[in-house]
């Protein structure tokens, strides 16, 4: 039997994350939390939403599949090159914006 959280991802989150604009908002919101593990988890959700399995993602990025699991885990600490390669494979890139200071 599927867990309630599984149906949330399959029925609610993943269909929405297939929309590129919503995926960008989701990733940016996770960055704004200020916790790297939130961003990496969100990035994993976006990859799953786009139907990209770890094997396919490993081939596309030329990164080790086992390392991808580590990178996208809450304890992940990817190198810049790996993170950038992963984002590009998913069709995204990082951008800097000015913070508004009160």
C-alpha atoms as a PDB file:
ATOM      1  CA  UNK A   1       0.000   0.000   0.000  1.00  0.00           C
ATOM      2  CA  UNK A   2       1.316   3.452  -0.937  1.00  0.00           C
ATOM      3  CA  UNK A   3       2.006   5.939   1.826  1.00  0.00           C
ATOM      4  CA  UNK A   4       0.061   9.198   1.906  1.00  0.00           C
ATOM      5  CA  UNK A   5       3.260  11.074   1.159  1.00  0.00           C
ATOM      6  CA  UNK A   6       3.789   8.979  -1.987  1.00  0.00           C
ATOM      7  CA  UNK A   7       0.386   9.993  -3.337  1.00  0.00           C
ATOM      8  CA  UNK A   8       1.152  13.641  -2.511  1.00  0.00           C
ATOM      9  CA  UNK A   9       4.247  13.529  -4.699  1.00  0.00           C
ATOM     10  CA  UNK A  10       2.667  11.527  -7.517  1.00  0.00           C
ATOM     11  CA  UNK A  11      -0.698  13.263  -7.595  1.00  0.00           C
ATOM     12  CA  UNK A  12       0.111  16.811  -6.534  1.00  0.00           C
ATOM     13  CA  UNK A  13       3.771  17.853  -6.532  1.00  0.00           C
ATOM     14  CA  UNK A  14       5.298  16.100  -9.549  1.00  0.00           C
ATOM     15  CA  UNK A  15       2.598  17.129 -12.044  1.00  0.00           C
ATOM     16  CA  UNK A  16       3.110  20.768 -11.043  1.00  0.00           C
ATOM     17  CA  UNK A  17       6.901  20.546 -11.167  1.00  0.00           C
ATOM     18  CA  UNK A  18       6.703  19.437 -14.805  1.00  0.00           C
ATOM     19  CA  UNK A  19       5.887  23.085 -15.539  1.00  0.00           C
ATOM     20  CA  UNK A  20       9.276  24.788 -15.894  1.00  0.00           C
ATOM     21  CA  UNK A  21       8.125  28.083 -14.371  1.00  0.00           C
ATOM     22  CA  UNK A  22       6.696  26.340 -11.304  1.00  0.00           C
ATOM     23  CA  UNK A  23       9.845  24.226 -10.978  1.00  0.00           C
ATOM     24  CA  UNK A  24      11.934  27.412 -11.011  1.00  0.00           C
ATOM     25  CA  UNK A  25       9.734  28.946  -8.297  1.00  0.00           C
ATOM     26  CA  UNK A  26       9.983  25.758  -6.240  1.00  0.00           C
ATOM     27  CA  UNK A  27      13.782  25.656  -6.526  1.00  0.00           C
ATOM     28  CA  UNK A  28      14.109  29.358  -5.713  1.00  0.00           C
ATOM     29  CA  UNK A  29      11.825  29.011  -2.692  1.00  0.00           C
ATOM     30  CA  UNK A  30      13.991  26.159  -1.436  1.00  0.00           C
ATOM     31  CA  UNK A  31      17.095  28.338  -1.847  1.00  0.00           C
ATOM     32  CA  UNK A  32      15.471  31.149   0.109  1.00  0.00           C
ATOM     33  CA  UNK A  33      15.089  28.803   3.083  1.00  0.00           C
ATOM     34  CA  UNK A  34      18.847  29.118   3.479  1.00  0.00           C
ATOM     35  CA  UNK A  35      19.348  25.396   4.006  1.00  0.00           C
ATOM     36  CA  UNK A  36      21.373  23.618   1.296  1.00  0.00           C
ATOM     37  CA  UNK A  37      19.667  20.303   2.063  1.00  0.00           C
ATOM     38  CA  UNK A  38      16.286  21.842   1.171  1.00  0.00           C
ATOM     39  CA  UNK A  39      17.568  22.889  -2.231  1.00  0.00           C
ATOM     40  CA  UNK A  40      19.115  19.487  -2.946  1.00  0.00           C
ATOM     41  CA  UNK A  41      15.911  17.711  -1.940  1.00  0.00           C
ATOM     42  CA  UNK A  42      13.902  20.071  -4.159  1.00  0.00           C
ATOM     43  CA  UNK A  43      16.282  19.431  -7.043  1.00  0.00           C
ATOM     44  CA  UNK A  44      15.710  15.704  -6.607  1.00  0.00           C
ATOM     45  CA  UNK A  45      11.943  16.285  -6.697  1.00  0.00           C
ATOM     46  CA  UNK A  46      12.267  18.235  -9.948  1.00  0.00           C
ATOM     47  CA  UNK A  47      14.356  15.455 -11.507  1.00  0.00           C
ATOM     48  CA  UNK A  48      11.762  12.856 -10.480  1.00  0.00           C
ATOM     49  CA  UNK A  49       8.919  15.027 -11.745  1.00  0.00           C
ATOM     50  CA  UNK A  50      10.564  15.180 -15.138  1.00  0.00           C
ATOM     51  CA  UNK A  51      10.785  11.407 -15.194  1.00  0.00           C
ATOM     52  CA  UNK A  52      14.538  11.391 -15.150  1.00  0.00           C
ATOM     53  CA  UNK A  53      15.791   8.406 -13.200  1.00  0.00           C
ATOM     54  CA  UNK A  54      19.187   8.331 -11.565  1.00  0.00           C
ATOM     55  CA  UNK A  55      20.607   6.043 -14.238  1.00  0.00           C
ATOM     56  CA  UNK A  56      19.514   8.390 -17.019  1.00  0.00           C
ATOM     57  CA  UNK A  57      20.679  11.415 -15.076  1.00  0.00           C
ATOM     58  CA  UNK A  58      24.059   9.769 -14.473  1.00  0.00           C
ATOM     59  CA  UNK A  59      24.458   9.145 -18.200  1.00  0.00           C
ATOM     60  CA  UNK A  60      23.343  12.647 -19.103  1.00  0.00           C
ATOM     61  CA  UNK A  61      25.680  14.304 -16.592  1.00  0.00           C
ATOM     62  CA  UNK A  62      28.487  11.758 -16.760  1.00  0.00           C
ATOM     63  CA  UNK A  63      28.372  11.664 -12.963  1.00  0.00           C
ATOM     64  CA  UNK A  64      28.429   8.460 -10.946  1.00  0.00           C
ATOM     65  CA  UNK A  65      24.895   7.263 -10.106  1.00  0.00           C
ATOM     66  CA  UNK A  66      25.841   6.488  -6.508  1.00  0.00           C
ATOM     67  CA  UNK A  67      27.277   9.987  -6.133  1.00  0.00           C
ATOM     68  CA  UNK A  68      24.081  11.494  -7.530  1.00  0.00           C
ATOM     69  CA  UNK A  69      22.093   9.833  -4.761  1.00  0.00           C
ATOM     70  CA  UNK A  70      24.516  11.350  -2.264  1.00  0.00           C
ATOM     71  CA  UNK A  71      24.450  14.790  -3.915  1.00  0.00           C
ATOM     72  CA  UNK A  72      20.637  14.900  -3.844  1.00  0.00           C
ATOM     73  CA  UNK A  73      20.339  13.663  -0.280  1.00  0.00           C
ATOM     74  CA  UNK A  74      19.859  15.865   2.761  1.00  0.00           C
ATOM     75  CA  UNK A  75      23.516  15.266   3.606  1.00  0.00           C
ATOM     76  CA  UNK A  76      24.718  16.066   0.093  1.00  0.00           C
ATOM     77  CA  UNK A  77      27.507  18.564  -0.323  1.00  0.00           C
ATOM     78  CA  UNK A  78      28.157  18.730  -4.055  1.00  0.00           C
ATOM     79  CA  UNK A  79      31.091  20.444  -5.635  1.00  0.00           C
ATOM     80  CA  UNK A  80      30.240  23.448  -7.782  1.00  0.00           C
ATOM     81  CA  UNK A  81      31.015  21.580 -11.005  1.00  0.00           C
ATOM     82  CA  UNK A  82      28.713  18.670 -10.097  1.00  0.00           C
ATOM     83  CA  UNK A  83      25.868  20.957  -9.079  1.00  0.00           C
ATOM     84  CA  UNK A  84      26.205  23.045 -12.229  1.00  0.00           C
ATOM     85  CA  UNK A  85      26.325  19.927 -14.422  1.00  0.00           C
ATOM     86  CA  UNK A  86      23.236  18.555 -12.707  1.00  0.00           C
ATOM     87  CA  UNK A  87      21.295  21.807 -13.105  1.00  0.00           C
ATOM     88  CA  UNK A  88      22.220  22.053 -16.779  1.00  0.00           C
ATOM     89  CA  UNK A  89      21.124  18.461 -17.410  1.00  0.00           C
ATOM     90  CA  UNK A  90      17.722  19.357 -15.978  1.00  0.00           C
ATOM     91  CA  UNK A  91      17.524  22.536 -18.073  1.00  0.00           C
ATOM     92  CA  UNK A  92      18.272  25.015 -15.299  1.00  0.00           C
ATOM     93  CA  UNK A  93      21.074  27.337 -14.224  1.00  0.00           C
ATOM     94  CA  UNK A  94      21.941  29.473 -11.241  1.00  0.00           C
ATOM     95  CA  UNK A  95      21.421  33.214 -11.254  1.00  0.00           C
ATOM     96  CA  UNK A  96      22.417  35.920  -8.796  1.00  0.00           C
ATOM     97  CA  UNK A  97      19.960  38.603  -7.747  1.00  0.00           C
ATOM     98  CA  UNK A  98      20.272  41.565  -5.441  1.00  0.00           C
ATOM     99  CA  UNK A  99      18.754  41.148  -2.000  1.00  0.00           C
ATOM    100  CA  UNK A 100      16.574  43.933  -0.783  1.00  0.00           C
ATOM    101  CA  UNK A 101      17.850  45.203   2.516  1.00  0.00           C
ATOM    102  CA  UNK A 102      15.372  46.971   4.788  1.00  0.00           C
END
